[in-house]
């Protein structure tokens, strides 16, 4: 397993969500200059959503039959190249939504559009909702190989980055942070080498 920020990949995955920060060398158009929030492995391998690729569409445009969503002017994000017709909701909530998976403290993935719509109508999710079209996924061992090859930096996930930071600044800032962290942990390494 690839070493990750002072621990193993498995230890990081078991503890909480992580950020995968695309190394500058990663030129795959699906992931170039992206940050992916990866959750605990799902059936077959890790699951994640790209947190810094807002689309031009707004929630209100796509959900005319859902009052809470219809009133929102928030962006929809490209979650990844898998299941591009599917929706994933990332919510910040004090209590877990029904049929949800925990990602971070008070942050959950859900597909329950009715629950999300009702919470928006109540004003409960005003600053704690991201909607993703598609997601990112890897088969068993695939992501570990990509990390070992140097395609990704690995950092602990942070809910404030997801919900409060300008998407345009996420990759540059986290890429710089990961490079500095890697250089401090490996003084003999060149700063441009990925983790």
C-alpha atoms as a PDB file:
ATOM      1  CA  UNK A   1       0.000   0.000   0.000  1.00  0.00           C
ATOM      2  CA  UNK A   2       1.148   3.524  -0.717  1.00  0.00           C
ATOM      3  CA  UNK A   3       2.255   5.650   2.186  1.00  0.00           C
ATOM      4  CA  UNK A   4      -0.032   8.558   2.788  1.00  0.00           C
ATOM      5  CA  UNK A   5       0.682  11.585   4.875  1.00  0.00           C
ATOM      6  CA  UNK A   6       2.295   9.681   7.726  1.00  0.00           C
ATOM      7  CA  UNK A   7      -0.016   6.674   7.555  1.00  0.00           C
ATOM      8  CA  UNK A   8      -1.134   4.030   5.149  1.00  0.00           C
ATOM      9  CA  UNK A   9      -3.831   4.404   2.541  1.00  0.00           C
ATOM     10  CA  UNK A  10      -6.065   1.975   4.427  1.00  0.00           C
ATOM     11  CA  UNK A  11      -5.685   3.872   7.700  1.00  0.00           C
ATOM     12  CA  UNK A  12      -6.576   7.165   6.030  1.00  0.00           C
ATOM     13  CA  UNK A  13      -9.594   5.604   4.325  1.00  0.00           C
ATOM     14  CA  UNK A  14     -10.869   4.017   7.513  1.00  0.00           C
ATOM     15  CA  UNK A  15     -10.555   7.213   9.544  1.00  0.00           C
ATOM     16  CA  UNK A  16     -12.540   9.596   7.370  1.00  0.00           C
ATOM     17  CA  UNK A  17     -12.857  11.059   3.917  1.00  0.00           C
ATOM     18  CA  UNK A  18      -9.724  12.252   2.166  1.00  0.00           C
ATOM     19  CA  UNK A  19      -8.912  14.712  -0.569  1.00  0.00           C
ATOM     20  CA  UNK A  20      -7.110  13.503  -3.655  1.00  0.00           C
ATOM     21  CA  UNK A  21      -5.323  16.485  -5.144  1.00  0.00           C
ATOM     22  CA  UNK A  22      -4.339  15.966  -8.771  1.00  0.00           C
ATOM     23  CA  UNK A  23      -0.588  16.261  -9.208  1.00  0.00           C
ATOM     24  CA  UNK A  24       0.435  18.742 -11.929  1.00  0.00           C
ATOM     25  CA  UNK A  25       1.646  15.792 -13.995  1.00  0.00           C
ATOM     26  CA  UNK A  26      -1.881  14.285 -14.160  1.00  0.00           C
ATOM     27  CA  UNK A  27      -3.170  15.227 -17.612  1.00  0.00           C
ATOM     28  CA  UNK A  28      -6.321  13.060 -17.779  1.00  0.00           C
ATOM     29  CA  UNK A  29      -8.984  15.630 -18.791  1.00  0.00           C
ATOM     30  CA  UNK A  30     -11.442  14.078 -16.334  1.00  0.00           C
ATOM     31  CA  UNK A  31      -9.156  14.849 -13.394  1.00  0.00           C
ATOM     32  CA  UNK A  32      -6.650  17.522 -14.466  1.00  0.00           C
ATOM     33  CA  UNK A  33      -6.377  20.188 -11.719  1.00  0.00           C
ATOM     34  CA  UNK A  34      -9.111  18.602  -9.622  1.00  0.00           C
ATOM     35  CA  UNK A  35      -9.649  17.826  -5.975  1.00  0.00           C
ATOM     36  CA  UNK A  36     -11.700  14.708  -5.282  1.00  0.00           C
ATOM     37  CA  UNK A  37     -13.395  14.000  -1.974  1.00  0.00           C
ATOM     38  CA  UNK A  38     -13.013  10.246  -1.525  1.00  0.00           C
ATOM     39  CA  UNK A  39     -15.174   8.364   0.924  1.00  0.00           C
ATOM     40  CA  UNK A  40     -14.785   4.944   2.444  1.00  0.00           C
ATOM     41  CA  UNK A  41     -14.743   2.210  -0.180  1.00  0.00           C
ATOM     42  CA  UNK A  42     -18.083   1.193  -1.616  1.00  0.00           C
ATOM     43  CA  UNK A  43     -18.860  -2.028  -3.452  1.00  0.00           C
ATOM     44  CA  UNK A  44     -15.668  -2.811  -5.334  1.00  0.00           C
ATOM     45  CA  UNK A  45     -13.551   0.253  -4.635  1.00  0.00           C
ATOM     46  CA  UNK A  46     -13.289   3.877  -3.522  1.00  0.00           C
ATOM     47  CA  UNK A  47     -16.034   6.379  -4.389  1.00  0.00           C
ATOM     48  CA  UNK A  48     -15.661  10.133  -4.670  1.00  0.00           C
ATOM     49  CA  UNK A  49     -16.831  13.438  -6.108  1.00  0.00           C
ATOM     50  CA  UNK A  50     -14.815  16.238  -7.679  1.00  0.00           C
ATOM     51  CA  UNK A  51     -15.365  19.281  -5.458  1.00  0.00           C
ATOM     52  CA  UNK A  52     -13.952  22.034  -7.679  1.00  0.00           C
ATOM     53  CA  UNK A  53     -15.745  21.698 -11.041  1.00  0.00           C
ATOM     54  CA  UNK A  54     -18.918  23.792 -10.977  1.00  0.00           C
ATOM     55  CA  UNK A  55     -21.072  23.574 -14.083  1.00  0.00           C
ATOM     56  CA  UNK A  56     -22.962  26.440 -15.690  1.00  0.00           C
ATOM     57  CA  UNK A  57     -26.316  24.966 -14.638  1.00  0.00           C
ATOM     58  CA  UNK A  58     -27.984  26.067 -11.419  1.00  0.00           C
ATOM     59  CA  UNK A  59     -30.089  23.848  -9.167  1.00  0.00           C
ATOM     60  CA  UNK A  60     -33.282  25.752  -9.917  1.00  0.00           C
ATOM     61  CA  UNK A  61     -32.957  25.036 -13.642  1.00  0.00           C
ATOM     62  CA  UNK A  62     -32.886  21.275 -13.207  1.00  0.00           C
ATOM     63  CA  UNK A  63     -35.499  20.771 -10.510  1.00  0.00           C
ATOM     64  CA  UNK A  64     -38.705  22.608 -11.522  1.00  0.00           C
ATOM     65  CA  UNK A  65     -40.927  20.204  -9.539  1.00  0.00           C
ATOM     66  CA  UNK A  66     -39.062  20.508  -6.227  1.00  0.00           C
ATOM     67  CA  UNK A  67     -39.868  23.779  -4.459  1.00  0.00           C
ATOM     68  CA  UNK A  68     -36.719  23.997  -2.335  1.00  0.00           C
ATOM     69  CA  UNK A  69     -34.349  23.078  -5.154  1.00  0.00           C
ATOM     70  CA  UNK A  70     -36.248  25.204  -7.683  1.00  0.00           C
ATOM     71  CA  UNK A  71     -35.620  28.322  -5.583  1.00  0.00           C
ATOM     72  CA  UNK A  72     -31.861  27.708  -5.349  1.00  0.00           C
ATOM     73  CA  UNK A  73     -29.338  29.544  -7.497  1.00  0.00           C
ATOM     74  CA  UNK A  74     -26.442  27.348  -6.343  1.00  0.00           C
ATOM     75  CA  UNK A  75     -24.222  25.692  -8.927  1.00  0.00           C
ATOM     76  CA  UNK A  76     -24.315  22.028  -9.784  1.00  0.00           C
ATOM     77  CA  UNK A  77     -20.898  20.344  -9.845  1.00  0.00           C
ATOM     78  CA  UNK A  78     -19.380  17.688 -12.098  1.00  0.00           C
ATOM     79  CA  UNK A  79     -18.731  14.846  -9.664  1.00  0.00           C
ATOM     80  CA  UNK A  80     -16.805  12.669 -12.079  1.00  0.00           C
ATOM     81  CA  UNK A  81     -16.923  10.591 -15.227  1.00  0.00           C
ATOM     82  CA  UNK A  82     -18.955   7.682 -13.799  1.00  0.00           C
ATOM     83  CA  UNK A  83     -22.782   7.600 -14.042  1.00  0.00           C
ATOM     84  CA  UNK A  84     -23.035  11.108 -15.500  1.00  0.00           C
ATOM     85  CA  UNK A  85     -26.827  10.958 -15.418  1.00  0.00           C
ATOM     86  CA  UNK A  86     -26.855  10.214 -11.694  1.00  0.00           C
ATOM     87  CA  UNK A  87     -27.035  12.765  -8.889  1.00  0.00           C
ATOM     88  CA  UNK A  88     -25.165  12.738  -5.609  1.00  0.00           C
ATOM     89  CA  UNK A  89     -26.032  15.143  -2.792  1.00  0.00           C
ATOM     90  CA  UNK A  90     -23.374  16.110  -0.254  1.00  0.00           C
ATOM     91  CA  UNK A  91     -25.000  17.687   2.799  1.00  0.00           C
ATOM     92  CA  UNK A  92     -23.785  19.245   6.018  1.00  0.00           C
ATOM     93  CA  UNK A  93     -26.324  18.325   8.686  1.00  0.00           C
ATOM     94  CA  UNK A  94     -26.402  17.813  12.455  1.00  0.00           C
ATOM     95  CA  UNK A  95     -28.291  14.529  12.016  1.00  0.00           C
ATOM     96  CA  UNK A  96     -27.677  11.973   9.262  1.00  0.00           C
ATOM     97  CA  UNK A  97     -30.260  11.979   6.490  1.00  0.00           C
ATOM     98  CA  UNK A  98     -32.129   8.727   5.853  1.00  0.00           C
ATOM     99  CA  UNK A  99     -30.317   6.445   3.427  1.00  0.00           C
ATOM    100  CA  UNK A 100     -27.040   8.346   3.713  1.00  0.00           C
ATOM    101  CA  UNK A 101     -23.370   7.525   4.126  1.00  0.00           C
ATOM    102  CA  UNK A 102     -21.145   9.492   6.529  1.00  0.00           C
ATOM    103  CA  UNK A 103     -18.172  11.215   4.923  1.00  0.00           C
ATOM    104  CA  UNK A 104     -16.868  13.611   7.577  1.00  0.00           C
ATOM    105  CA  UNK A 105     -18.210  14.860  10.887  1.00  0.00           C
ATOM    106  CA  UNK A 106     -21.716  16.188  10.112  1.00  0.00           C
ATOM    107  CA  UNK A 107     -21.203  15.643   6.346  1.00  0.00           C
ATOM    108  CA  UNK A 108     -23.115  12.943   4.472  1.00  0.00           C
ATOM    109  CA  UNK A 109     -23.676  11.614   0.973  1.00  0.00           C
ATOM    110  CA  UNK A 110     -27.278  10.933   0.074  1.00  0.00           C
ATOM    111  CA  UNK A 111     -29.406  10.322  -2.978  1.00  0.00           C
ATOM    112  CA  UNK A 112     -32.673  11.254  -1.249  1.00  0.00           C
ATOM    113  CA  UNK A 113     -33.865  14.210  -3.317  1.00  0.00           C
ATOM    114  CA  UNK A 114     -37.098  14.575  -1.332  1.00  0.00           C
ATOM    115  CA  UNK A 115     -35.193  14.889   1.972  1.00  0.00           C
ATOM    116  CA  UNK A 116     -32.837  17.477   0.441  1.00  0.00           C
ATOM    117  CA  UNK A 117     -35.755  19.426  -1.041  1.00  0.00           C
ATOM    118  CA  UNK A 118     -37.634  19.471   2.286  1.00  0.00           C
ATOM    119  CA  UNK A 119     -34.531  20.665   4.173  1.00  0.00           C
ATOM    120  CA  UNK A 120     -33.993  23.450   1.632  1.00  0.00           C
ATOM    121  CA  UNK A 121     -37.608  24.561   2.039  1.00  0.00           C
ATOM    122  CA  UNK A 122     -37.053  24.675   5.816  1.00  0.00           C
ATOM    123  CA  UNK A 123     -33.818  26.661   5.362  1.00  0.00           C
ATOM    124  CA  UNK A 124     -31.764  23.916   7.018  1.00  0.00           C
ATOM    125  CA  UNK A 125     -29.230  23.432   4.200  1.00  0.00           C
ATOM    126  CA  UNK A 126     -28.617  27.013   3.105  1.00  0.00           C
ATOM    127  CA  UNK A 127     -24.821  26.751   3.481  1.00  0.00           C
ATOM    128  CA  UNK A 128     -24.411  23.010   3.501  1.00  0.00           C
ATOM    129  CA  UNK A 129     -25.391  21.501   0.154  1.00  0.00           C
ATOM    130  CA  UNK A 130     -23.466  20.488  -2.929  1.00  0.00           C
ATOM    131  CA  UNK A 131     -25.092  18.625  -5.811  1.00  0.00           C
ATOM    132  CA  UNK A 132     -22.939  16.532  -8.125  1.00  0.00           C
ATOM    133  CA  UNK A 133     -23.694  15.051 -11.524  1.00  0.00           C
ATOM    134  CA  UNK A 134     -21.835  11.771 -11.807  1.00  0.00           C
ATOM    135  CA  UNK A 135     -19.113  10.561  -9.504  1.00  0.00           C
ATOM    136  CA  UNK A 136     -15.576   9.207  -9.499  1.00  0.00           C
ATOM    137  CA  UNK A 137     -14.831   5.573  -8.853  1.00  0.00           C
ATOM    138  CA  UNK A 138     -11.930   3.159  -8.933  1.00  0.00           C
ATOM    139  CA  UNK A 139     -11.717  -0.606  -9.063  1.00  0.00           C
ATOM    140  CA  UNK A 140      -9.933  -2.604  -6.364  1.00  0.00           C
ATOM    141  CA  UNK A 141      -6.271  -1.557  -6.252  1.00  0.00           C
ATOM    142  CA  UNK A 142      -6.618   1.021  -9.041  1.00  0.00           C
ATOM    143  CA  UNK A 143      -6.449   4.135  -6.883  1.00  0.00           C
ATOM    144  CA  UNK A 144      -3.592   2.779  -4.786  1.00  0.00           C
ATOM    145  CA  UNK A 145      -1.660   2.247  -8.035  1.00  0.00           C
ATOM    146  CA  UNK A 146      -2.401   5.800  -9.205  1.00  0.00           C
ATOM    147  CA  UNK A 147      -1.211   7.222  -5.883  1.00  0.00           C
ATOM    148  CA  UNK A 148       1.917   5.058  -5.989  1.00  0.00           C
ATOM    149  CA  UNK A 149       2.587   6.249  -9.547  1.00  0.00           C
ATOM    150  CA  UNK A 150       2.470   9.857  -8.339  1.00  0.00           C
ATOM    151  CA  UNK A 151      -0.775  10.991  -9.974  1.00  0.00           C
ATOM    152  CA  UNK A 152      -2.337  12.192  -6.711  1.00  0.00           C
ATOM    153  CA  UNK A 153      -1.422  13.980  -3.508  1.00  0.00           C
ATOM    154  CA  UNK A 154      -3.427  12.824  -0.482  1.00  0.00           C
ATOM    155  CA  UNK A 155      -4.632  15.224   2.221  1.00  0.00           C
ATOM    156  CA  UNK A 156      -7.193  14.991   5.024  1.00  0.00           C
ATOM    157  CA  UNK A 157     -10.593  16.246   3.863  1.00  0.00           C
ATOM    158  CA  UNK A 158     -11.984  19.470   5.295  1.00  0.00           C
ATOM    159  CA  UNK A 159     -15.695  20.370   5.194  1.00  0.00           C
ATOM    160  CA  UNK A 160     -14.936  24.100   5.163  1.00  0.00           C
ATOM    161  CA  UNK A 161     -12.991  23.706   1.920  1.00  0.00           C
ATOM    162  CA  UNK A 162     -15.925  21.856   0.348  1.00  0.00           C
ATOM    163  CA  UNK A 163     -18.701  24.204   1.414  1.00  0.00           C
ATOM    164  CA  UNK A 164     -17.040  27.599   1.928  1.00  0.00           C
ATOM    165  CA  UNK A 165     -14.080  27.986  -0.420  1.00  0.00           C
ATOM    166  CA  UNK A 166     -14.242  29.407  -3.940  1.00  0.00           C
ATOM    167  CA  UNK A 167     -13.941  26.363  -6.253  1.00  0.00           C
ATOM    168  CA  UNK A 168     -11.412  28.208  -8.436  1.00  0.00           C
ATOM    169  CA  UNK A 169      -8.957  28.449  -5.526  1.00  0.00           C
ATOM    170  CA  UNK A 170      -9.282  24.903  -4.177  1.00  0.00           C
ATOM    171  CA  UNK A 171      -6.853  23.071  -6.473  1.00  0.00           C
ATOM    172  CA  UNK A 172      -4.080  25.715  -6.445  1.00  0.00           C
ATOM    173  CA  UNK A 173      -4.221  26.067  -2.663  1.00  0.00           C
ATOM    174  CA  UNK A 174      -4.368  22.351  -1.846  1.00  0.00           C
ATOM    175  CA  UNK A 175      -1.725  21.520  -4.450  1.00  0.00           C
ATOM    176  CA  UNK A 176       0.634  24.005  -2.797  1.00  0.00           C
ATOM    177  CA  UNK A 177      -0.224  22.675   0.682  1.00  0.00           C
ATOM    178  CA  UNK A 178       0.361  19.066  -0.407  1.00  0.00           C
ATOM    179  CA  UNK A 179       3.677  19.924  -2.061  1.00  0.00           C
ATOM    180  CA  UNK A 180       4.917  21.689   1.085  1.00  0.00           C
ATOM    181  CA  UNK A 181       3.753  18.820   3.274  1.00  0.00           C
ATOM    182  CA  UNK A 182       5.508  16.285   1.059  1.00  0.00           C
ATOM    183  CA  UNK A 183       8.728  18.322   0.995  1.00  0.00           C
ATOM    184  CA  UNK A 184       8.777  18.611   4.806  1.00  0.00           C
ATOM    185  CA  UNK A 185       8.138  14.883   5.223  1.00  0.00           C
ATOM    186  CA  UNK A 186      10.777  13.981   2.600  1.00  0.00           C
ATOM    187  CA  UNK A 187      13.554  16.637   2.684  1.00  0.00           C
ATOM    188  CA  UNK A 188      15.528  14.859  -0.045  1.00  0.00           C
ATOM    189  CA  UNK A 189      12.548  14.968  -2.419  1.00  0.00           C
ATOM    190  CA  UNK A 190      12.204  17.672  -5.031  1.00  0.00           C
ATOM    191  CA  UNK A 191       9.185  19.961  -4.452  1.00  0.00           C
ATOM    192  CA  UNK A 192       7.644  18.987  -7.798  1.00  0.00           C
ATOM    193  CA  UNK A 193       7.567  15.268  -6.987  1.00  0.00           C
ATOM    194  CA  UNK A 194       4.104  13.972  -6.080  1.00  0.00           C
ATOM    195  CA  UNK A 195       3.416  12.042  -2.893  1.00  0.00           C
END
